[in-house]
N, C-alpha and C. Protein backbone atom coordinates (compact mmCIF):
# COMPACT_ATOMS: atom_id res chain seq x y z
N MET A 1 127.57 85.17 165.09
CA MET A 1 127.52 83.77 164.74
C MET A 1 126.80 83.61 163.40
N SER A 2 127.39 82.87 162.50
CA SER A 2 126.80 82.70 161.19
C SER A 2 125.85 81.51 161.18
N GLN A 3 125.03 81.47 160.13
CA GLN A 3 124.08 80.37 159.97
C GLN A 3 124.81 79.06 159.73
N PRO A 4 124.23 77.95 160.17
CA PRO A 4 124.81 76.64 159.81
C PRO A 4 124.75 76.45 158.29
N TYR A 5 125.68 75.66 157.78
CA TYR A 5 125.79 75.46 156.34
C TYR A 5 124.50 74.89 155.75
N VAL A 6 123.81 74.05 156.50
CA VAL A 6 122.57 73.44 155.99
C VAL A 6 121.53 74.53 155.70
N LEU A 7 121.43 75.51 156.60
CA LEU A 7 120.47 76.58 156.36
C LEU A 7 120.92 77.49 155.23
N GLN A 8 122.23 77.73 155.10
CA GLN A 8 122.74 78.52 153.98
C GLN A 8 122.43 77.82 152.66
N LEU A 9 122.62 76.50 152.64
CA LEU A 9 122.34 75.73 151.44
C LEU A 9 120.85 75.77 151.10
N ALA A 10 120.00 75.67 152.12
CA ALA A 10 118.56 75.75 151.89
C ALA A 10 118.18 77.14 151.35
N ALA A 11 118.82 78.18 151.86
CA ALA A 11 118.55 79.53 151.36
C ALA A 11 119.00 79.67 149.91
N GLN A 12 120.15 79.09 149.56
CA GLN A 12 120.62 79.11 148.18
C GLN A 12 119.64 78.38 147.26
N ARG A 13 119.11 77.28 147.76
CA ARG A 13 118.15 76.49 146.97
C ARG A 13 116.89 77.32 146.69
N THR A 14 116.36 78.01 147.69
CA THR A 14 115.16 78.81 147.47
C THR A 14 115.45 80.00 146.56
N GLN A 15 116.65 80.58 146.63
CA GLN A 15 117.02 81.65 145.71
C GLN A 15 117.09 81.12 144.27
N TRP A 16 117.64 79.92 144.11
CA TRP A 16 117.73 79.30 142.79
C TRP A 16 116.32 79.05 142.24
N LEU A 17 115.43 78.55 143.10
CA LEU A 17 114.05 78.28 142.67
C LEU A 17 113.34 79.58 142.29
N SER A 18 113.59 80.65 143.04
CA SER A 18 112.98 81.94 142.72
C SER A 18 113.48 82.46 141.37
N ALA A 19 114.78 82.33 141.13
CA ALA A 19 115.34 82.77 139.84
C ALA A 19 114.78 81.94 138.69
N ARG A 20 114.62 80.64 138.91
CA ARG A 20 114.06 79.77 137.86
C ARG A 20 112.61 80.13 137.59
N ASP A 21 111.88 80.45 138.65
CA ASP A 21 110.49 80.86 138.51
C ASP A 21 110.38 82.12 137.65
N GLU A 22 111.29 83.08 137.85
CA GLU A 22 111.29 84.31 137.05
C GLU A 22 111.59 84.01 135.58
N LEU A 23 112.53 83.10 135.32
CA LEU A 23 112.84 82.75 133.93
C LEU A 23 111.66 82.06 133.25
N ILE A 24 110.99 81.19 133.98
CA ILE A 24 109.82 80.50 133.42
C ILE A 24 108.73 81.52 133.10
N ALA A 25 108.51 82.48 134.00
CA ALA A 25 107.51 83.52 133.76
C ALA A 25 107.88 84.35 132.53
N ALA A 26 109.15 84.65 132.36
CA ALA A 26 109.58 85.41 131.17
C ALA A 26 109.37 84.58 129.91
N ASN A 27 109.62 83.28 129.98
CA ASN A 27 109.40 82.41 128.82
C ASN A 27 107.93 82.42 128.43
N VAL A 28 107.03 82.28 129.41
CA VAL A 28 105.59 82.25 129.12
C VAL A 28 105.13 83.61 128.60
N ALA A 29 105.66 84.69 129.18
CA ALA A 29 105.26 86.03 128.72
C ALA A 29 105.69 86.29 127.28
N ASN A 30 106.76 85.64 126.85
CA ASN A 30 107.26 85.84 125.49
C ASN A 30 106.92 84.67 124.57
N ALA A 31 105.88 83.93 124.90
CA ALA A 31 105.52 82.75 124.12
C ALA A 31 105.14 83.09 122.69
N SER A 32 104.68 84.31 122.45
CA SER A 32 104.30 84.68 121.07
C SER A 32 105.25 85.71 120.47
N THR A 33 106.38 85.94 121.10
CA THR A 33 107.36 86.89 120.57
C THR A 33 108.21 86.21 119.51
N PRO A 34 108.22 86.73 118.29
CA PRO A 34 109.02 86.10 117.23
C PRO A 34 110.52 86.10 117.58
N GLY A 35 111.15 84.95 117.38
CA GLY A 35 112.59 84.82 117.59
C GLY A 35 113.02 84.64 119.04
N TYR A 36 112.08 84.62 119.98
CA TYR A 36 112.45 84.48 121.39
C TYR A 36 112.90 83.04 121.66
N GLN A 37 114.03 82.91 122.33
CA GLN A 37 114.55 81.59 122.69
C GLN A 37 114.32 81.36 124.18
N ALA A 38 113.67 80.26 124.53
CA ALA A 38 113.39 79.93 125.93
C ALA A 38 114.70 79.72 126.69
N THR A 39 114.74 80.17 127.93
CA THR A 39 115.92 80.00 128.78
C THR A 39 115.53 79.27 130.05
N ASP A 40 116.53 78.72 130.72
CA ASP A 40 116.34 78.02 131.98
C ASP A 40 117.64 78.12 132.75
N LEU A 41 117.63 77.78 134.02
CA LEU A 41 118.85 77.75 134.81
C LEU A 41 119.49 76.38 134.70
N GLN A 42 120.80 76.35 134.89
CA GLN A 42 121.45 75.05 134.96
C GLN A 42 120.90 74.34 136.18
N PRO A 43 120.84 73.01 136.18
CA PRO A 43 120.28 72.28 137.32
C PRO A 43 121.02 72.61 138.62
N PHE A 44 120.28 72.61 139.72
CA PHE A 44 120.88 72.93 141.02
C PHE A 44 121.95 71.92 141.40
N SER A 45 121.81 70.69 140.95
CA SER A 45 122.83 69.68 141.26
C SER A 45 124.18 70.05 140.64
N SER A 46 124.17 70.64 139.45
CA SER A 46 125.45 71.04 138.86
C SER A 46 126.02 72.26 139.57
N VAL A 47 125.16 73.11 140.12
CA VAL A 47 125.63 74.22 140.93
C VAL A 47 126.30 73.69 142.19
N LEU A 48 125.68 72.67 142.80
CA LEU A 48 126.27 72.06 143.99
C LEU A 48 127.60 71.38 143.68
N ASP A 49 127.67 70.73 142.52
CA ASP A 49 128.92 70.06 142.15
C ASP A 49 130.06 71.04 141.98
N SER A 50 129.74 72.26 141.53
CA SER A 50 130.80 73.26 141.32
C SER A 50 131.09 74.08 142.57
N ALA A 51 130.27 73.91 143.61
CA ALA A 51 130.48 74.67 144.85
C ALA A 51 131.68 74.11 145.61
N GLN A 52 132.41 75.02 146.20
CA GLN A 52 133.53 74.62 147.02
C GLN A 52 133.11 74.73 148.47
N VAL A 53 132.86 73.60 149.09
CA VAL A 53 132.45 73.58 150.47
C VAL A 53 133.69 73.77 151.33
N SER A 54 133.64 74.74 152.21
CA SER A 54 134.80 75.00 153.05
C SER A 54 134.51 74.62 154.49
N MET A 55 135.53 74.16 155.14
CA MET A 55 135.42 73.79 156.54
C MET A 55 135.62 75.04 157.39
N VAL A 56 135.12 75.01 158.61
CA VAL A 56 135.24 76.14 159.50
C VAL A 56 136.13 75.76 160.67
N SER A 57 137.02 76.65 161.02
CA SER A 57 137.90 76.44 162.15
C SER A 57 137.20 76.90 163.42
N THR A 58 136.99 76.01 164.38
CA THR A 58 136.29 76.35 165.61
C THR A 58 137.25 76.57 166.78
N ASN A 59 138.51 76.28 166.56
CA ASN A 59 139.51 76.42 167.61
C ASN A 59 140.76 77.02 166.98
N PRO A 60 141.42 77.96 167.66
CA PRO A 60 142.62 78.57 167.06
C PRO A 60 143.73 77.55 166.78
N ALA A 61 143.70 76.40 167.42
CA ALA A 61 144.72 75.38 167.19
C ALA A 61 144.45 74.57 165.92
N HIS A 62 143.25 74.71 165.38
CA HIS A 62 142.91 73.99 164.15
C HIS A 62 143.59 74.61 162.95
N MET A 63 143.76 73.81 161.90
CA MET A 63 144.29 74.35 160.65
C MET A 63 143.23 75.26 160.02
N THR A 64 143.65 76.32 159.38
CA THR A 64 142.72 77.25 158.75
C THR A 64 142.26 76.68 157.42
N PRO A 65 140.96 76.52 157.23
CA PRO A 65 140.46 76.00 155.95
C PRO A 65 140.53 77.05 154.86
N GLY A 66 140.55 76.61 153.62
CA GLY A 66 140.55 77.52 152.47
C GLY A 66 139.33 77.29 151.63
N GLY A 67 139.19 78.08 150.58
CA GLY A 67 138.08 77.87 149.64
C GLY A 67 137.11 79.02 149.65
N ASP A 68 136.41 79.14 148.56
CA ASP A 68 135.43 80.20 148.41
C ASP A 68 134.03 79.69 148.71
N GLY A 69 133.09 80.55 148.54
CA GLY A 69 131.71 80.21 148.84
C GLY A 69 131.02 79.47 147.71
N PHE A 70 129.75 79.71 147.62
CA PHE A 70 128.87 79.01 146.71
C PHE A 70 128.95 79.60 145.31
N ALA A 71 129.01 78.76 144.29
CA ALA A 71 129.07 79.23 142.90
C ALA A 71 127.68 79.66 142.44
N ALA A 72 127.61 80.69 141.64
CA ALA A 72 126.32 81.21 141.15
C ALA A 72 125.81 80.35 139.99
N ALA A 73 124.50 80.29 139.89
CA ALA A 73 123.88 79.55 138.80
C ALA A 73 123.96 80.36 137.51
N ARG A 74 124.07 79.68 136.40
CA ARG A 74 124.12 80.35 135.10
C ARG A 74 122.84 80.08 134.32
N VAL A 75 122.46 81.08 133.53
CA VAL A 75 121.30 80.93 132.65
C VAL A 75 121.78 80.20 131.40
N VAL A 76 121.05 79.17 131.02
CA VAL A 76 121.38 78.41 129.82
C VAL A 76 120.16 78.40 128.91
N GLU A 77 120.41 78.18 127.64
CA GLU A 77 119.30 78.08 126.69
C GLU A 77 118.55 76.79 126.95
N ALA A 78 117.25 76.87 127.04
CA ALA A 78 116.43 75.70 127.32
C ALA A 78 116.50 74.71 126.16
N ASP A 79 116.36 73.44 126.49
CA ASP A 79 116.37 72.40 125.48
C ASP A 79 115.05 72.47 124.71
N SER A 80 115.10 72.96 123.51
CA SER A 80 113.88 73.13 122.73
C SER A 80 113.88 72.16 121.55
N SER A 81 112.92 71.27 121.57
CA SER A 81 112.82 70.32 120.47
C SER A 81 111.99 70.91 119.33
N GLU A 82 111.17 71.89 119.64
CA GLU A 82 110.33 72.50 118.62
C GLU A 82 110.58 73.99 118.55
N THR A 83 110.68 74.50 117.36
CA THR A 83 110.76 75.93 117.14
C THR A 83 109.70 76.28 116.11
N THR A 84 108.92 77.31 116.41
CA THR A 84 107.85 77.70 115.48
C THR A 84 108.45 78.38 114.25
N LEU A 85 107.60 78.65 113.27
CA LEU A 85 108.06 79.33 112.06
C LEU A 85 108.61 80.72 112.36
N SER A 86 108.13 81.33 113.43
CA SER A 86 108.61 82.67 113.80
C SER A 86 109.95 82.61 114.55
N GLY A 87 110.44 81.41 114.83
CA GLY A 87 111.71 81.26 115.53
C GLY A 87 111.57 81.21 117.04
N ASN A 88 110.36 81.15 117.55
CA ASN A 88 110.11 81.09 118.98
C ASN A 88 110.23 79.64 119.45
N SER A 89 110.95 79.43 120.56
CA SER A 89 111.15 78.06 121.04
C SER A 89 110.42 77.76 122.34
N VAL A 90 109.49 78.62 122.75
CA VAL A 90 108.77 78.42 124.01
C VAL A 90 107.65 77.41 123.82
N ASP A 91 107.65 76.37 124.64
CA ASP A 91 106.57 75.39 124.70
C ASP A 91 105.83 75.63 126.00
N VAL A 92 104.66 76.26 125.92
CA VAL A 92 103.93 76.69 127.12
C VAL A 92 103.60 75.51 128.02
N GLU A 93 103.22 74.38 127.45
CA GLU A 93 102.90 73.21 128.25
C GLU A 93 104.12 72.75 129.06
N ASN A 94 105.28 72.73 128.42
CA ASN A 94 106.51 72.35 129.10
C ASN A 94 106.86 73.36 130.21
N GLU A 95 106.65 74.64 129.94
CA GLU A 95 106.92 75.68 130.94
C GLU A 95 106.00 75.53 132.14
N MET A 96 104.75 75.16 131.92
CA MET A 96 103.81 74.96 133.03
C MET A 96 104.22 73.75 133.88
N MET A 97 104.75 72.71 133.24
CA MET A 97 105.24 71.55 133.99
C MET A 97 106.45 71.95 134.82
N LYS A 98 107.35 72.77 134.25
CA LYS A 98 108.50 73.26 135.01
C LYS A 98 108.04 74.09 136.20
N LEU A 99 107.01 74.90 135.99
CA LEU A 99 106.50 75.75 137.06
C LEU A 99 105.92 74.92 138.21
N SER A 100 105.22 73.84 137.88
CA SER A 100 104.69 72.98 138.94
C SER A 100 105.83 72.28 139.68
N ASP A 101 106.91 71.92 138.97
CA ASP A 101 108.08 71.33 139.63
C ASP A 101 108.72 72.33 140.60
N VAL A 102 108.83 73.58 140.16
CA VAL A 102 109.41 74.62 141.02
C VAL A 102 108.55 74.81 142.26
N ASN A 103 107.24 74.82 142.09
CA ASN A 103 106.32 74.99 143.22
C ASN A 103 106.48 73.84 144.22
N ARG A 104 106.54 72.62 143.72
CA ARG A 104 106.70 71.45 144.59
C ARG A 104 108.04 71.48 145.31
N GLU A 105 109.11 71.80 144.58
CA GLU A 105 110.44 71.84 145.18
C GLU A 105 110.57 72.97 146.19
N TYR A 106 109.90 74.10 145.93
CA TYR A 106 109.93 75.21 146.88
C TYR A 106 109.24 74.82 148.18
N ALA A 107 108.10 74.14 148.08
CA ALA A 107 107.39 73.69 149.28
C ALA A 107 108.25 72.71 150.07
N MET A 108 108.94 71.82 149.37
CA MET A 108 109.81 70.85 150.05
C MET A 108 110.97 71.56 150.73
N ALA A 109 111.61 72.52 150.06
CA ALA A 109 112.73 73.25 150.65
C ALA A 109 112.28 74.04 151.88
N THR A 110 111.11 74.64 151.81
CA THR A 110 110.58 75.40 152.93
C THR A 110 110.31 74.48 154.12
N ASN A 111 109.76 73.31 153.86
CA ASN A 111 109.49 72.35 154.93
C ASN A 111 110.79 71.84 155.55
N ILE A 112 111.81 71.63 154.74
CA ILE A 112 113.10 71.18 155.27
C ILE A 112 113.71 72.26 156.17
N LYS A 113 113.64 73.51 155.73
CA LYS A 113 114.15 74.60 156.57
C LYS A 113 113.39 74.69 157.89
N ARG A 114 112.08 74.49 157.84
CA ARG A 114 111.26 74.54 159.05
C ARG A 114 111.65 73.43 160.02
N VAL A 115 111.85 72.23 159.52
CA VAL A 115 112.23 71.10 160.36
C VAL A 115 113.62 71.31 160.97
N ILE A 116 114.56 71.81 160.18
CA ILE A 116 115.91 72.08 160.71
C ILE A 116 115.84 73.13 161.81
N HIS A 117 115.03 74.16 161.60
CA HIS A 117 114.87 75.19 162.61
C HIS A 117 114.26 74.61 163.89
N GLN A 118 113.25 73.75 163.74
CA GLN A 118 112.64 73.12 164.92
C GLN A 118 113.64 72.24 165.67
N MET A 119 114.48 71.52 164.92
CA MET A 119 115.49 70.68 165.57
C MET A 119 116.49 71.54 166.34
N MET A 120 116.91 72.64 165.75
CA MET A 120 117.86 73.53 166.43
C MET A 120 117.25 74.14 167.67
N MET A 121 115.98 74.53 167.60
CA MET A 121 115.32 75.09 168.78
C MET A 121 115.15 74.04 169.86
N ALA A 122 114.87 72.80 169.47
CA ALA A 122 114.75 71.73 170.47
C ALA A 122 116.09 71.44 171.12
N ALA A 123 117.17 71.56 170.38
CA ALA A 123 118.51 71.31 170.94
C ALA A 123 118.91 72.41 171.91
N LEU A 124 118.39 73.62 171.71
CA LEU A 124 118.72 74.73 172.61
C LEU A 124 117.96 74.70 173.92
N LYS A 125 116.87 73.94 173.97
CA LYS A 125 116.05 73.88 175.21
C LYS A 125 116.76 73.12 176.28
C-alpha cells in the first residue's frame, strides 16, 4: 500500500526545503568569492503548478488514470539587485532572511505531517 498523496506532497515539500537550505548555505559560503552568482530554487508553488496529479484506480471496473508523478524543482539564478565590484551577487542579509523562512516553513510542514498522521491513526482505531 502506498502513502496517501497528502503525505507524498508533504515529503516533496520537505525535500524542496532541504534543497533550498543547501543552496542558501552555498550562497553564504561563497559570499566573498569573486564572480559567484547567488542561486535559489524556483518557488514550490510553481513546482506544484507543473505537477501532474494523477488519480488512482481503486476498483478494476474504474477507468485507468494516466499521468506522471511530481515534477522536479529547478535551480534558478537568484534575483540580485546588487552586485559587488568583484561580480559577487550574494546578499548575506537576504540569505539569512531566506534561511529563517525555510526554517519556519519546515516546522510548519513537519507539524502538518504530524497532524495528518495523528488523524490517520485515529481513523484506524
